[in-house]
Amino acid sequence: MGQPRSESFFSTLKRELLADRPSRAAARSAIFERIEAWYNIRRLHSSLGYRSPTEYETVLAA
């Protein structure tokens, strides 16, 4: 069995974002950007019929 999703998420976050950040502020900014501008709009939500929020809103607008 693999890692739980949250552990996998934080492992990727550390590996991809935090390794080369010189300060805590830079790390916070990078984390915020990743979560708000990438992760939250692309991940699938069971409550949205396993669609991303962007895809769900597009379907509603049509």
PDB file of N, CA and C in Angstrom:
ATOM      1  N   MET A   1       0.841  -1.183   0.000  1.00  0.00           N
ATOM      2  CA  MET A   1       0.000   0.000   0.000  1.00  0.00           C
ATOM      3  C   MET A   1       0.880   1.238   0.000  1.00  0.00           C
ATOM      4  N   GLY A   2       0.494   2.274  -0.730  1.00  0.00           N
ATOM      5  CA  GLY A   2       1.276   3.502  -0.825  1.00  0.00           C
ATOM      6  C   GLY A   2       1.033   4.423   0.349  1.00  0.00           C
ATOM      7  N   GLN A   3       1.636   5.571   0.268  1.00  0.00           N
ATOM      8  CA  GLN A   3       1.463   6.587   1.306  1.00  0.00           C
ATOM      9  C   GLN A   3       0.041   7.142   1.267  1.00  0.00           C
ATOM     10  N   PRO A   4      -0.486   7.548   2.427  1.00  0.00           N
ATOM     11  CA  PRO A   4      -1.762   8.277   2.398  1.00  0.00           C
ATOM     12  C   PRO A   4      -1.595   9.550   1.563  1.00  0.00           C
ATOM     13  N   ARG A   5      -2.668  10.031   0.995  1.00  0.00           N
ATOM     14  CA  ARG A   5      -2.597  11.198   0.105  1.00  0.00           C
ATOM     15  C   ARG A   5      -1.952  12.408   0.751  1.00  0.00           C
ATOM     16  N   SER A   6      -2.270  12.656   2.010  1.00  0.00           N
ATOM     17  CA  SER A   6      -1.702  13.843   2.656  1.00  0.00           C
ATOM     18  C   SER A   6      -0.190  13.723   2.789  1.00  0.00           C
ATOM     19  N   GLU A   7       0.309  12.531   3.121  1.00  0.00           N
ATOM     20  CA  GLU A   7       1.759  12.353   3.224  1.00  0.00           C
ATOM     21  C   GLU A   7       2.419  12.498   1.863  1.00  0.00           C
ATOM     22  N   SER A   8       1.795  11.968   0.843  1.00  0.00           N
ATOM     23  CA  SER A   8       2.327  12.092  -0.508  1.00  0.00           C
ATOM     24  C   SER A   8       2.354  13.551  -0.939  1.00  0.00           C
ATOM     25  N   PHE A   9       1.279  14.283  -0.642  1.00  0.00           N
ATOM     26  CA  PHE A   9       1.193  15.695  -0.980  1.00  0.00           C
ATOM     27  C   PHE A   9       2.326  16.480  -0.319  1.00  0.00           C
ATOM     28  N   PHE A  10       2.512  16.290   0.993  1.00  0.00           N
ATOM     29  CA  PHE A  10       3.542  17.043   1.704  1.00  0.00           C
ATOM     30  C   PHE A  10       4.942  16.620   1.294  1.00  0.00           C
ATOM     31  N   SER A  11       5.129  15.350   0.968  1.00  0.00           N
ATOM     32  CA  SER A  11       6.425  14.892   0.483  1.00  0.00           C
ATOM     33  C   SER A  11       6.781  15.581  -0.830  1.00  0.00           C
ATOM     34  N   THR A  12       5.826  15.643  -1.740  1.00  0.00           N
ATOM     35  CA  THR A  12       6.038  16.321  -3.019  1.00  0.00           C
ATOM     36  C   THR A  12       6.269  17.811  -2.812  1.00  0.00           C
ATOM     37  N   LEU A  13       5.493  18.400  -1.945  1.00  0.00           N
ATOM     38  CA  LEU A  13       5.638  19.819  -1.644  1.00  0.00           C
ATOM     39  C   LEU A  13       7.049  20.125  -1.155  1.00  0.00           C
ATOM     40  N   LYS A  14       7.537  19.347  -0.216  1.00  0.00           N
ATOM     41  CA  LYS A  14       8.888  19.560   0.308  1.00  0.00           C
ATOM     42  C   LYS A  14       9.941  19.377  -0.777  1.00  0.00           C
ATOM     43  N   ARG A  15       9.813  18.300  -1.533  1.00  0.00           N
ATOM     44  CA  ARG A  15      10.816  17.985  -2.554  1.00  0.00           C
ATOM     45  C   ARG A  15      10.841  19.036  -3.666  1.00  0.00           C
ATOM     46  N   GLU A  16       9.675  19.465  -4.137  1.00  0.00           N
ATOM     47  CA  GLU A  16       9.616  20.362  -5.288  1.00  0.00           C
ATOM     48  C   GLU A  16       9.709  21.845  -4.939  1.00  0.00           C
ATOM     49  N   LEU A  17       9.260  22.227  -3.768  1.00  0.00           N
ATOM     50  CA  LEU A  17       9.173  23.651  -3.473  1.00  0.00           C
ATOM     51  C   LEU A  17      10.143  24.171  -2.430  1.00  0.00           C
ATOM     52  N   LEU A  18      10.423  23.387  -1.420  1.00  0.00           N
ATOM     53  CA  LEU A  18      11.131  23.941  -0.279  1.00  0.00           C
ATOM     54  C   LEU A  18      12.631  23.746  -0.300  1.00  0.00           C
ATOM     55  N   ALA A  19      13.118  22.869  -1.132  1.00  0.00           N
ATOM     56  CA  ALA A  19      14.552  22.552  -1.142  1.00  0.00           C
ATOM     57  C   ALA A  19      15.423  23.772  -1.437  1.00  0.00           C
ATOM     58  N   ASP A  20      14.984  24.644  -2.319  1.00  0.00           N
ATOM     59  CA  ASP A  20      15.834  25.768  -2.719  1.00  0.00           C
ATOM     60  C   ASP A  20      15.259  27.133  -2.333  1.00  0.00           C
ATOM     61  N   ARG A  21      14.433  27.177  -1.304  1.00  0.00           N
ATOM     62  CA  ARG A  21      13.882  28.455  -0.832  1.00  0.00           C
ATOM     63  C   ARG A  21      14.790  29.006   0.266  1.00  0.00           C
ATOM     64  N   PRO A  22      15.284  30.226   0.106  1.00  0.00           N
ATOM     65  CA  PRO A  22      16.253  30.784   1.054  1.00  0.00           C
ATOM     66  C   PRO A  22      15.664  31.251   2.379  1.00  0.00           C
ATOM     67  N   SER A  23      14.355  31.510   2.420  1.00  0.00           N
ATOM     68  CA  SER A  23      13.786  32.045   3.658  1.00  0.00           C
ATOM     69  C   SER A  23      12.411  31.443   3.925  1.00  0.00           C
ATOM     70  N   ARG A  24      11.969  31.618   5.143  1.00  0.00           N
ATOM     71  CA  ARG A  24      10.635  31.146   5.527  1.00  0.00           C
ATOM     72  C   ARG A  24       9.557  31.867   4.711  1.00  0.00           C
ATOM     73  N   ALA A  25       9.726  33.157   4.497  1.00  0.00           N
ATOM     74  CA  ALA A  25       8.745  33.927   3.724  1.00  0.00           C
ATOM     75  C   ALA A  25       8.657  33.417   2.287  1.00  0.00           C
ATOM     76  N   ALA A  26       9.796  33.114   1.685  1.00  0.00           N
ATOM     77  CA  ALA A  26       9.802  32.587   0.318  1.00  0.00           C
ATOM     78  C   ALA A  26       9.122  31.223   0.265  1.00  0.00           C
ATOM     79  N   ALA A  27       9.351  30.398   1.277  1.00  0.00           N
ATOM     80  CA  ALA A  27       8.721  29.082   1.347  1.00  0.00           C
ATOM     81  C   ALA A  27       7.205  29.225   1.502  1.00  0.00           C
ATOM     82  N   ARG A  28       6.758  30.119   2.382  1.00  0.00           N
ATOM     83  CA  ARG A  28       5.322  30.347   2.576  1.00  0.00           C
ATOM     84  C   ARG A  28       4.662  30.807   1.291  1.00  0.00           C
ATOM     85  N   SER A  29       5.308  31.717   0.599  1.00  0.00           N
ATOM     86  CA  SER A  29       4.772  32.232  -0.654  1.00  0.00           C
ATOM     87  C   SER A  29       4.663  31.119  -1.698  1.00  0.00           C
ATOM     88  N   ALA A  30       5.689  30.293  -1.794  1.00  0.00           N
ATOM     89  CA  ALA A  30       5.686  29.189  -2.760  1.00  0.00           C
ATOM     90  C   ALA A  30       4.598  28.172  -2.433  1.00  0.00           C
ATOM     91  N   ILE A  31       4.422  27.878  -1.159  1.00  0.00           N
ATOM     92  CA  ILE A  31       3.383  26.930  -0.746  1.00  0.00           C
ATOM     93  C   ILE A  31       1.996  27.490  -1.053  1.00  0.00           C
ATOM     94  N   PHE A  32       1.767  28.749  -0.718  1.00  0.00           N
ATOM     95  CA  PHE A  32       0.475  29.373  -0.997  1.00  0.00           C
ATOM     96  C   PHE A  32       0.177  29.328  -2.490  1.00  0.00           C
ATOM     97  N   GLU A  33       1.144  29.697  -3.292  1.00  0.00           N
ATOM     98  CA  GLU A  33       0.963  29.708  -4.750  1.00  0.00           C
ATOM     99  C   GLU A  33       0.626  28.312  -5.264  1.00  0.00           C
ATOM    100  N   ARG A  34       1.333  27.306  -4.793  1.00  0.00           N
ATOM    101  CA  ARG A  34       1.083  25.939  -5.256  1.00  0.00           C
ATOM    102  C   ARG A  34      -0.316  25.476  -4.885  1.00  0.00           C
ATOM    103  N   ILE A  35      -0.728  25.716  -3.662  1.00  0.00           N
ATOM    104  CA  ILE A  35      -2.030  25.236  -3.209  1.00  0.00           C
ATOM    105  C   ILE A  35      -3.169  26.010  -3.873  1.00  0.00           C
ATOM    106  N   GLU A  36      -3.096  27.323  -3.884  1.00  0.00           N
ATOM    107  CA  GLU A  36      -4.196  28.132  -4.410  1.00  0.00           C
ATOM    108  C   GLU A  36      -4.240  28.188  -5.933  1.00  0.00           C
ATOM    109  N   ALA A  37      -3.091  28.252  -6.565  1.00  0.00           N
ATOM    110  CA  ALA A  37      -3.074  28.447  -8.020  1.00  0.00           C
ATOM    111  C   ALA A  37      -2.947  27.150  -8.808  1.00  0.00           C
ATOM    112  N   TRP A  38      -2.604  26.056  -8.161  1.00  0.00           N
ATOM    113  CA  TRP A  38      -2.462  24.811  -8.912  1.00  0.00           C
ATOM    114  C   TRP A  38      -3.304  23.701  -8.298  1.00  0.00           C
ATOM    115  N   TYR A  39      -3.009  23.319  -7.085  1.00  0.00           N
ATOM    116  CA  TYR A  39      -3.637  22.142  -6.473  1.00  0.00           C
ATOM    117  C   TYR A  39      -5.147  22.277  -6.333  1.00  0.00           C
ATOM    118  N   ASN A  40      -5.627  23.346  -5.762  1.00  0.00           N
ATOM    119  CA  ASN A  40      -7.054  23.476  -5.489  1.00  0.00           C
ATOM    120  C   ASN A  40      -7.910  23.565  -6.747  1.00  0.00           C
ATOM    121  N   ILE A  41      -7.370  24.071  -7.836  1.00  0.00           N
ATOM    122  CA  ILE A  41      -8.191  24.175  -9.049  1.00  0.00           C
ATOM    123  C   ILE A  41      -8.076  22.955  -9.962  1.00  0.00           C
ATOM    124  N   ARG A  42      -7.113  22.089  -9.721  1.00  0.00           N
ATOM    125  CA  ARG A  42      -6.923  20.928 -10.590  1.00  0.00           C
ATOM    126  C   ARG A  42      -7.317  19.592  -9.964  1.00  0.00           C
ATOM    127  N   ARG A  43      -7.268  19.509  -8.637  1.00  0.00           N
ATOM    128  CA  ARG A  43      -7.551  18.202  -8.034  1.00  0.00           C
ATOM    129  C   ARG A  43      -9.030  17.863  -8.160  1.00  0.00           C
ATOM    130  N   LEU A  44      -9.315  16.576  -8.225  1.00  0.00           N
ATOM    131  CA  LEU A  44     -10.675  16.105  -8.388  1.00  0.00           C
ATOM    132  C   LEU A  44     -11.374  16.066  -7.033  1.00  0.00           C
ATOM    133  N   HIS A  45     -12.622  16.448  -7.021  1.00  0.00           N
ATOM    134  CA  HIS A  45     -13.417  16.472  -5.797  1.00  0.00           C
ATOM    135  C   HIS A  45     -14.571  15.479  -5.934  1.00  0.00           C
ATOM    136  N   SER A  46     -14.713  14.607  -4.951  1.00  0.00           N
ATOM    137  CA  SER A  46     -15.817  13.637  -4.997  1.00  0.00           C
ATOM    138  C   SER A  46     -17.165  14.357  -4.943  1.00  0.00           C
ATOM    139  N   SER A  47     -17.239  15.457  -4.204  1.00  0.00           N
ATOM    140  CA  SER A  47     -18.507  16.184  -4.090  1.00  0.00           C
ATOM    141  C   SER A  47     -18.898  16.896  -5.392  1.00  0.00           C
ATOM    142  N   LEU A  48     -17.975  16.993  -6.322  1.00  0.00           N
ATOM    143  CA  LEU A  48     -18.250  17.626  -7.623  1.00  0.00           C
ATOM    144  C   LEU A  48     -18.335  16.590  -8.734  1.00  0.00           C
ATOM    145  N   GLY A  49     -18.601  15.349  -8.363  1.00  0.00           N
ATOM    146  CA  GLY A  49     -18.694  14.296  -9.371  1.00  0.00           C
ATOM    147  C   GLY A  49     -17.341  13.919  -9.942  1.00  0.00           C
ATOM    148  N   TYR A  50     -16.323  13.988  -9.112  1.00  0.00           N
ATOM    149  CA  TYR A  50     -14.941  13.682  -9.499  1.00  0.00           C
ATOM    150  C   TYR A  50     -14.467  14.542 -10.669  1.00  0.00           C
ATOM    151  N   ARG A  51     -14.822  15.818 -10.579  1.00  0.00           N
ATOM    152  CA  ARG A  51     -14.329  16.816 -11.525  1.00  0.00           C
ATOM    153  C   ARG A  51     -13.533  17.853 -10.747  1.00  0.00           C
ATOM    154  N   SER A  52     -12.671  18.556 -11.452  1.00  0.00           N
ATOM    155  CA  SER A  52     -11.948  19.666 -10.827  1.00  0.00           C
ATOM    156  C   SER A  52     -12.921  20.833 -10.669  1.00  0.00           C
ATOM    157  N   PRO A  53     -12.643  21.758  -9.750  1.00  0.00           N
ATOM    158  CA  PRO A  53     -13.518  22.923  -9.619  1.00  0.00           C
ATOM    159  C   PRO A  53     -13.658  23.706 -10.928  1.00  0.00           C
ATOM    160  N   THR A  54     -12.580  23.818 -11.679  1.00  0.00           N
ATOM    161  CA  THR A  54     -12.631  24.532 -12.955  1.00  0.00           C
ATOM    162  C   THR A  54     -13.561  23.829 -13.938  1.00  0.00           C
ATOM    163  N   GLU A  55     -13.436  22.516 -14.041  1.00  0.00           N
ATOM    164  CA  GLU A  55     -14.297  21.749 -14.945  1.00  0.00           C
ATOM    165  C   GLU A  55     -15.765  21.828 -14.496  1.00  0.00           C
ATOM    166  N   TYR A  56     -15.998  21.732 -13.204  1.00  0.00           N
ATOM    167  CA  TYR A  56     -17.354  21.809 -12.651  1.00  0.00           C
ATOM    168  C   TYR A  56     -18.000  23.151 -12.979  1.00  0.00           C
ATOM    169  N   GLU A  57     -17.278  24.230 -12.791  1.00  0.00           N
ATOM    170  CA  GLU A  57     -17.819  25.559 -13.083  1.00  0.00           C
ATOM    171  C   GLU A  57     -18.078  25.748 -14.571  1.00  0.00           C
ATOM    172  N   THR A  58     -17.236  25.163 -15.407  1.00  0.00           N
ATOM    173  CA  THR A  58     -17.447  25.238 -16.853  1.00  0.00           C
ATOM    174  C   THR A  58     -18.737  24.520 -17.242  1.00  0.00           C
ATOM    175  N   VAL A  59     -18.977  23.355 -16.652  1.00  0.00           N
ATOM    176  CA  VAL A  59     -20.199  22.601 -16.938  1.00  0.00           C
ATOM    177  C   VAL A  59     -21.426  23.376 -16.460  1.00  0.00           C
ATOM    178  N   LEU A  60     -21.343  23.987 -15.291  1.00  0.00           N
ATOM    179  CA  LEU A  60     -22.482  24.759 -14.776  1.00  0.00           C
ATOM    180  C   LEU A  60     -22.794  25.979 -15.657  1.00  0.00           C
ATOM    181  N   ALA A  61     -21.769  26.598 -16.192  1.00  0.00           N
ATOM    182  CA  ALA A  61     -21.956  27.797 -17.006  1.00  0.00           C
ATOM    183  C   ALA A  61     -22.539  27.484 -18.387  1.00  0.00           C
ATOM    184  N   ALA A  62     -22.384  26.235 -18.819  1.00  0.00           N
ATOM    185  CA  ALA A  62     -22.857  25.871 -20.178  1.00  0.00           C
ATOM    186  C   ALA A  62     -24.347  25.701 -20.233  1.00  0.00           C
TER     187      ALA A  62
END
